Amino acid sequence: MDAMLSGFRYLTFPRKAILTGVVATCSATWYFSWSTLIEERSLLARRQVPRANSTLRTRLDFYNKHLVLNKDNIREGRYHTLLTHTITHNSFGHFFMNMTGVISFGIAFLQRYSVGAFAVMWVGAGIAGGVAGLLGEERKAKKINEERVKNGMGRVIVKTNYVGASAAALGVTTAMCLNDLRVNIRVTLIVSHTSSL
């Protein structure tokens, strides 16, 4: 962990601010979603449902309408969920793994590139991952329903909620790896070309 964070001290303030801001925002939304979902599960375990005017119902509605990406939110014009789903996590393991990746690759990315490049990669990869998930869900639903109709069963509604920084973190990681690969290939080609002379 110390080796991973050692590069952080060499980042300039704006670079530290964006990385810390992403991690802090993800931490706050993870705590919000975790505490909300734990409270809901506790009620459901006692065979109760949240009252319509309760604080829990308000939190659940906010969570489902503003922090989760799904077809319903897009259909209802909540396009901001294409971005907000990237800062939301449902489990500590998912949150921990994403933040480990964001911190380790984020530091390396920000040592080489600008804050703007990091923001563009984060937002772009997060949105692309969300769109890919929604398109994949449509294909999956079509395949499931074709199989069900073929077997004489009724159609089902397939609905998936997408949360997590995986796509955004992998976008930053992929950009780093592709750039390193491009640099290494260029160096290898130059060295092998000059050595054959």
C-alpha atoms as a PDB file:
ATOM      1  CA  MET A   1       0.000   0.000   0.000  1.00  0.00           C
ATOM      2  CA  ASP A   2       2.861   2.362   0.852  1.00  0.00           C
ATOM      3  CA  ALA A   3       4.459   1.780  -2.557  1.00  0.00           C
ATOM      4  CA  MET A   4       1.138   2.455  -4.269  1.00  0.00           C
ATOM      5  CA  LEU A   5       0.665   5.759  -2.452  1.00  0.00           C
ATOM      6  CA  SER A   6       4.289   6.923  -2.664  1.00  0.00           C
ATOM      7  CA  GLY A   7       3.661   8.524  -6.066  1.00  0.00           C
ATOM      8  CA  PHE A   8       0.774  10.545  -4.638  1.00  0.00           C
ATOM      9  CA  ARG A   9       3.108  12.936  -2.809  1.00  0.00           C
ATOM     10  CA  TYR A  10       4.729  13.957  -6.101  1.00  0.00           C
ATOM     11  CA  LEU A  11       1.444  14.982  -7.734  1.00  0.00           C
ATOM     12  CA  THR A  12       0.629  18.677  -8.008  1.00  0.00           C
ATOM     13  CA  PHE A  13      -2.321  20.037  -6.043  1.00  0.00           C
ATOM     14  CA  PRO A  14      -4.875  19.900  -8.907  1.00  0.00           C
ATOM     15  CA  ARG A  15      -3.942  16.271  -9.600  1.00  0.00           C
ATOM     16  CA  LYS A  16      -4.221  15.360  -5.923  1.00  0.00           C
ATOM     17  CA  ALA A  17      -7.538  17.210  -5.734  1.00  0.00           C
ATOM     18  CA  ILE A  18      -9.202  15.340  -8.603  1.00  0.00           C
ATOM     19  CA  LEU A  19      -8.029  11.920  -7.409  1.00  0.00           C
ATOM     20  CA  THR A  20      -8.974  12.648  -3.805  1.00  0.00           C
ATOM     21  CA  GLY A  21     -12.290  14.093  -4.977  1.00  0.00           C
ATOM     22  CA  VAL A  22     -13.169  10.956  -6.958  1.00  0.00           C
ATOM     23  CA  VAL A  23     -12.289   8.672  -4.043  1.00  0.00           C
ATOM     24  CA  ALA A  24     -14.109  10.868  -1.496  1.00  0.00           C
ATOM     25  CA  THR A  25     -17.225  11.089  -3.678  1.00  0.00           C
ATOM     26  CA  CYS A  26     -17.240   7.337  -4.251  1.00  0.00           C
ATOM     27  CA  SER A  27     -16.757   6.803  -0.497  1.00  0.00           C
ATOM     28  CA  ALA A  28     -19.688   9.061   0.405  1.00  0.00           C
ATOM     29  CA  THR A  29     -22.055   7.502  -2.126  1.00  0.00           C
ATOM     30  CA  TRP A  30     -20.946   3.988  -1.104  1.00  0.00           C
ATOM     31  CA  TYR A  31     -21.793   4.779   2.525  1.00  0.00           C
ATOM     32  CA  PHE A  32     -25.135   6.301   1.516  1.00  0.00           C
ATOM     33  CA  SER A  33     -26.127   3.344  -0.666  1.00  0.00           C
ATOM     34  CA  TRP A  34     -24.792   0.747   1.794  1.00  0.00           C
ATOM     35  CA  SER A  35     -26.634   2.224   4.779  1.00  0.00           C
ATOM     36  CA  THR A  36     -29.834   2.668   2.750  1.00  0.00           C
ATOM     37  CA  LEU A  37     -29.795  -0.873   1.375  1.00  0.00           C
ATOM     38  CA  ILE A  38     -28.892  -2.405   4.771  1.00  0.00           C
ATOM     39  CA  GLU A  39     -31.834  -0.635   6.356  1.00  0.00           C
ATOM     40  CA  GLU A  40     -34.149  -1.832   3.574  1.00  0.00           C
ATOM     41  CA  ARG A  41     -32.906  -5.442   3.910  1.00  0.00           C
ATOM     42  CA  SER A  42     -33.463  -5.285   7.656  1.00  0.00           C
ATOM     43  CA  LEU A  43     -37.100  -4.269   7.111  1.00  0.00           C
ATOM     44  CA  LEU A  44     -37.638  -6.909   4.440  1.00  0.00           C
ATOM     45  CA  ALA A  45     -36.195  -9.596   6.723  1.00  0.00           C
ATOM     46  CA  ARG A  46     -38.925  -8.673   9.229  1.00  0.00           C
ATOM     47  CA  ARG A  47     -41.461  -8.845   6.369  1.00  0.00           C
ATOM     48  CA  GLN A  48     -42.041  -5.111   6.478  1.00  0.00           C
ATOM     49  CA  VAL A  49     -41.823  -2.507   3.728  1.00  0.00           C
ATOM     50  CA  PRO A  50     -40.695   1.115   4.106  1.00  0.00           C
ATOM     51  CA  ARG A  51     -43.598   3.465   4.793  1.00  0.00           C
ATOM     52  CA  ALA A  52     -44.469   5.815   1.928  1.00  0.00           C
ATOM     53  CA  ASN A  53     -43.476   8.978   3.801  1.00  0.00           C
ATOM     54  CA  SER A  54     -40.471   7.581   5.663  1.00  0.00           C
ATOM     55  CA  THR A  55     -36.901   8.838   5.410  1.00  0.00           C
ATOM     56  CA  LEU A  56     -35.865   5.404   4.145  1.00  0.00           C
ATOM     57  CA  ARG A  57     -38.400   5.562   1.304  1.00  0.00           C
ATOM     58  CA  THR A  58     -37.058   9.003   0.337  1.00  0.00           C
ATOM     59  CA  ARG A  59     -33.478   7.684   0.364  1.00  0.00           C
ATOM     60  CA  LEU A  60     -34.433   4.589  -1.659  1.00  0.00           C
ATOM     61  CA  ASP A  61     -36.244   6.720  -4.228  1.00  0.00           C
ATOM     62  CA  PHE A  62     -33.232   9.047  -4.518  1.00  0.00           C
ATOM     63  CA  TYR A  63     -30.889   6.061  -4.844  1.00  0.00           C
ATOM     64  CA  ASN A  64     -32.989   4.361  -7.536  1.00  0.00           C
ATOM     65  CA  LYS A  65     -33.734   7.528  -9.516  1.00  0.00           C
ATOM     66  CA  HIS A  66     -30.392   9.330  -9.352  1.00  0.00           C
ATOM     67  CA  LEU A  67     -27.533   6.950  -8.538  1.00  0.00           C
ATOM     68  CA  VAL A  68     -28.408   3.783 -10.474  1.00  0.00           C
ATOM     69  CA  LEU A  69     -28.253   3.346 -14.236  1.00  0.00           C
ATOM     70  CA  ASN A  70     -31.078   1.335 -15.790  1.00  0.00           C
ATOM     71  CA  LYS A  71     -33.415   1.469 -18.793  1.00  0.00           C
ATOM     72  CA  ASP A  72     -36.213   3.117 -16.792  1.00  0.00           C
ATOM     73  CA  ASN A  73     -34.032   6.024 -15.708  1.00  0.00           C
ATOM     74  CA  ILE A  74     -32.912   6.659 -19.288  1.00  0.00           C
ATOM     75  CA  ARG A  75     -36.478   6.367 -20.619  1.00  0.00           C
ATOM     76  CA  GLU A  76     -37.627   8.888 -18.011  1.00  0.00           C
ATOM     77  CA  GLY A  77     -34.930  11.394 -19.017  1.00  0.00           C
ATOM     78  CA  ARG A  78     -32.544  10.906 -16.091  1.00  0.00           C
ATOM     79  CA  TYR A  79     -29.470  10.880 -18.323  1.00  0.00           C
ATOM     80  CA  HIS A  80     -27.264  12.021 -15.446  1.00  0.00           C
ATOM     81  CA  THR A  81     -27.348   8.401 -14.217  1.00  0.00           C
ATOM     82  CA  LEU A  82     -24.950   7.606 -17.087  1.00  0.00           C
ATOM     83  CA  LEU A  83     -22.385   9.401 -14.929  1.00  0.00           C
ATOM     84  CA  THR A  84     -23.666   9.037 -11.358  1.00  0.00           C
ATOM     85  CA  HIS A  85     -23.701   5.241 -11.536  1.00  0.00           C
ATOM     86  CA  THR A  86     -19.887   5.385 -11.736  1.00  0.00           C
ATOM     87  CA  ILE A  87     -19.623   6.762  -8.188  1.00  0.00           C
ATOM     88  CA  THR A  88     -22.090   4.321  -6.600  1.00  0.00           C
ATOM     89  CA  HIS A  89     -21.241   0.908  -5.132  1.00  0.00           C
ATOM     90  CA  ASN A  90     -23.450  -1.626  -3.355  1.00  0.00           C
ATOM     91  CA  SER A  91     -20.876  -3.750  -1.578  1.00  0.00           C
ATOM     92  CA  PHE A  92     -17.673  -3.005   0.264  1.00  0.00           C
ATOM     93  CA  GLY A  93     -15.694  -5.527  -1.808  1.00  0.00           C
ATOM     94  CA  HIS A  94     -16.784  -3.906  -5.065  1.00  0.00           C
ATOM     95  CA  PHE A  95     -16.027  -0.450  -3.663  1.00  0.00           C
ATOM     96  CA  PHE A  96     -12.623  -1.508  -2.272  1.00  0.00           C
ATOM     97  CA  MET A  97     -11.447  -3.152  -5.508  1.00  0.00           C
ATOM     98  CA  ASN A  98     -12.523  -0.180  -7.635  1.00  0.00           C
ATOM     99  CA  MET A  99     -10.883   2.357  -5.327  1.00  0.00           C
ATOM    100  CA  THR A 100      -7.667   0.317  -5.246  1.00  0.00           C
ATOM    101  CA  GLY A 101      -7.603   0.449  -9.047  1.00  0.00           C
ATOM    102  CA  VAL A 102      -8.559   4.122  -9.173  1.00  0.00           C
ATOM    103  CA  ILE A 103      -5.836   5.095  -6.712  1.00  0.00           C
ATOM    104  CA  SER A 104      -3.033   2.970  -8.165  1.00  0.00           C
ATOM    105  CA  PHE A 105      -3.701   3.639 -11.853  1.00  0.00           C
ATOM    106  CA  GLY A 106      -5.000   7.147 -11.203  1.00  0.00           C
ATOM    107  CA  ILE A 107      -1.682   8.154  -9.631  1.00  0.00           C
ATOM    108  CA  ALA A 108       0.254   6.706 -12.578  1.00  0.00           C
ATOM    109  CA  PHE A 109      -2.105   8.353 -15.083  1.00  0.00           C
ATOM    110  CA  LEU A 110      -1.941  11.750 -13.376  1.00  0.00           C
ATOM    111  CA  GLN A 111       1.869  11.634 -13.207  1.00  0.00           C
ATOM    112  CA  ARG A 112       1.912  11.571 -17.014  1.00  0.00           C
ATOM    113  CA  TYR A 113      -1.251  13.368 -18.103  1.00  0.00           C
ATOM    114  CA  SER A 114      -3.333  16.371 -17.188  1.00  0.00           C
ATOM    115  CA  VAL A 115      -6.303  16.645 -14.862  1.00  0.00           C
ATOM    116  CA  GLY A 116      -8.452  17.290 -17.935  1.00  0.00           C
ATOM    117  CA  ALA A 117      -7.280  14.074 -19.588  1.00  0.00           C
ATOM    118  CA  PHE A 118      -8.110  12.136 -16.405  1.00  0.00           C
ATOM    119  CA  ALA A 119     -11.579  13.715 -16.243  1.00  0.00           C
ATOM    120  CA  VAL A 120     -12.262  12.977 -19.918  1.00  0.00           C
ATOM    121  CA  MET A 121     -11.118   9.360 -19.542  1.00  0.00           C
ATOM    122  CA  TRP A 122     -13.134   8.857 -16.337  1.00  0.00           C
ATOM    123  CA  VAL A 123     -16.347  10.359 -17.702  1.00  0.00           C
ATOM    124  CA  GLY A 124     -15.962   8.893 -21.196  1.00  0.00           C
ATOM    125  CA  ALA A 125     -15.181   5.373 -20.028  1.00  0.00           C
ATOM    126  CA  GLY A 126     -17.912   5.480 -17.379  1.00  0.00           C
ATOM    127  CA  ILE A 127     -20.549   6.556 -19.902  1.00  0.00           C
ATOM    128  CA  ALA A 128     -19.294   4.081 -22.524  1.00  0.00           C
ATOM    129  CA  GLY A 129     -19.440   1.261 -19.965  1.00  0.00           C
ATOM    130  CA  GLY A 130     -22.978   2.239 -18.988  1.00  0.00           C
ATOM    131  CA  VAL A 131     -24.163   2.374 -22.603  1.00  0.00           C
ATOM    132  CA  ALA A 132     -22.506  -0.977 -23.324  1.00  0.00           C
ATOM    133  CA  GLY A 133     -24.274  -2.475 -20.305  1.00  0.00           C
ATOM    134  CA  LEU A 134     -27.653  -1.152 -21.438  1.00  0.00           C
ATOM    135  CA  LEU A 135     -27.132  -2.421 -24.995  1.00  0.00           C
ATOM    136  CA  GLY A 136     -26.011  -5.800 -23.672  1.00  0.00           C
ATOM    137  CA  GLU A 137     -29.103  -5.934 -21.484  1.00  0.00           C
ATOM    138  CA  GLU A 138     -31.328  -5.420 -24.539  1.00  0.00           C
ATOM    139  CA  ARG A 139     -29.606  -8.277 -26.372  1.00  0.00           C
ATOM    140  CA  LYS A 140     -29.859 -10.516 -23.301  1.00  0.00           C
ATOM    141  CA  ALA A 141     -33.569  -9.750 -22.857  1.00  0.00           C
ATOM    142  CA  LYS A 142     -34.265 -10.506 -26.521  1.00  0.00           C
ATOM    143  CA  LYS A 143     -32.395 -13.824 -26.337  1.00  0.00           C
ATOM    144  CA  ILE A 144     -34.117 -14.880 -23.092  1.00  0.00           C
ATOM    145  CA  ASN A 145     -37.572 -14.039 -24.449  1.00  0.00           C
ATOM    146  CA  GLU A 146     -36.958 -15.790 -27.783  1.00  0.00           C
ATOM    147  CA  GLU A 147     -35.982 -18.928 -25.878  1.00  0.00           C
ATOM    148  CA  ARG A 148     -39.003 -18.665 -23.569  1.00  0.00           C
ATOM    149  CA  VAL A 149     -41.442 -18.197 -26.486  1.00  0.00           C
ATOM    150  CA  LYS A 150     -39.860 -21.133 -28.318  1.00  0.00           C
ATOM    151  CA  ASN A 151     -40.450 -23.292 -25.220  1.00  0.00           C
ATOM    152  CA  GLY A 152     -44.063 -22.137 -24.871  1.00  0.00           C
ATOM    153  CA  MET A 153     -43.475 -19.862 -21.871  1.00  0.00           C
ATOM    154  CA  GLY A 154     -44.409 -16.197 -21.468  1.00  0.00           C
ATOM    155  CA  ARG A 155     -42.108 -13.248 -21.898  1.00  0.00           C
ATOM    156  CA  VAL A 156     -40.270 -11.730 -18.934  1.00  0.00           C
ATOM    157  CA  ILE A 157     -39.039  -8.230 -18.235  1.00  0.00           C
ATOM    158  CA  VAL A 158     -35.268  -8.149 -17.828  1.00  0.00           C
ATOM    159  CA  LYS A 159     -34.149  -5.211 -15.722  1.00  0.00           C
ATOM    160  CA  THR A 160     -30.618  -4.700 -14.498  1.00  0.00           C
ATOM    161  CA  ASN A 161     -29.309  -1.889 -12.321  1.00  0.00           C
ATOM    162  CA  TYR A 162     -25.766  -0.779 -13.065  1.00  0.00           C
ATOM    163  CA  VAL A 163     -23.502   0.729 -10.414  1.00  0.00           C
ATOM    164  CA  GLY A 164     -19.771   0.962  -9.887  1.00  0.00           C
ATOM    165  CA  ALA A 165     -16.637   2.671 -11.056  1.00  0.00           C
ATOM    166  CA  SER A 166     -15.355  -0.416 -12.877  1.00  0.00           C
ATOM    167  CA  ALA A 167     -15.805   0.964 -16.395  1.00  0.00           C
ATOM    168  CA  ALA A 168     -14.329   4.354 -15.486  1.00  0.00           C
ATOM    169  CA  ALA A 169     -11.387   2.795 -13.624  1.00  0.00           C
ATOM    170  CA  LEU A 170     -10.760   0.339 -16.451  1.00  0.00           C
ATOM    171  CA  GLY A 171     -10.860   3.211 -18.957  1.00  0.00           C
ATOM    172  CA  VAL A 172      -8.057   4.995 -17.118  1.00  0.00           C
ATOM    173  CA  THR A 173      -6.147   1.708 -16.770  1.00  0.00           C
ATOM    174  CA  THR A 174      -6.590   0.844 -20.445  1.00  0.00           C
ATOM    175  CA  ALA A 175      -5.395   4.282 -21.540  1.00  0.00           C
ATOM    176  CA  MET A 176      -2.257   3.790 -19.445  1.00  0.00           C
ATOM    177  CA  CYS A 177      -1.609   0.299 -20.808  1.00  0.00           C
ATOM    178  CA  LEU A 178      -2.217   1.261 -24.434  1.00  0.00           C
ATOM    179  CA  ASN A 179       0.073   4.260 -24.146  1.00  0.00           C
ATOM    180  CA  ASP A 180       2.791   2.137 -22.521  1.00  0.00           C
ATOM    181  CA  LEU A 181       2.341  -0.506 -25.211  1.00  0.00           C
ATOM    182  CA  ARG A 182       2.577   2.131 -27.965  1.00  0.00           C
ATOM    183  CA  VAL A 183       5.736   3.615 -26.423  1.00  0.00           C
ATOM    184  CA  ASN A 184       7.322   0.177 -25.927  1.00  0.00           C
ATOM    185  CA  ILE A 185       6.483  -0.909 -29.472  1.00  0.00           C
ATOM    186  CA  ARG A 186       7.949   2.295 -30.902  1.00  0.00           C
ATOM    187  CA  VAL A 187      11.149   1.880 -28.839  1.00  0.00           C
ATOM    188  CA  THR A 188      11.412  -1.808 -29.785  1.00  0.00           C
ATOM    189  CA  LEU A 189      10.990  -1.047 -33.473  1.00  0.00           C
ATOM    190  CA  ILE A 190      13.597   1.735 -33.366  1.00  0.00           C
ATOM    191  CA  VAL A 191      16.095  -0.430 -31.473  1.00  0.00           C
ATOM    192  CA  SER A 192      15.591  -3.474 -33.713  1.00  0.00           C
ATOM    193  CA  HIS A 193      15.712  -1.333 -36.859  1.00  0.00           C
ATOM    194  CA  THR A 194      18.979   0.398 -35.861  1.00  0.00           C
ATOM    195  CA  SER A 195      20.581  -2.819 -34.703  1.00  0.00           C
ATOM    196  CA  SER A 196      20.041  -4.474 -38.083  1.00  0.00           C
ATOM    197  CA  LEU A 197      22.024  -1.734 -39.862  1.00  0.00           C
END
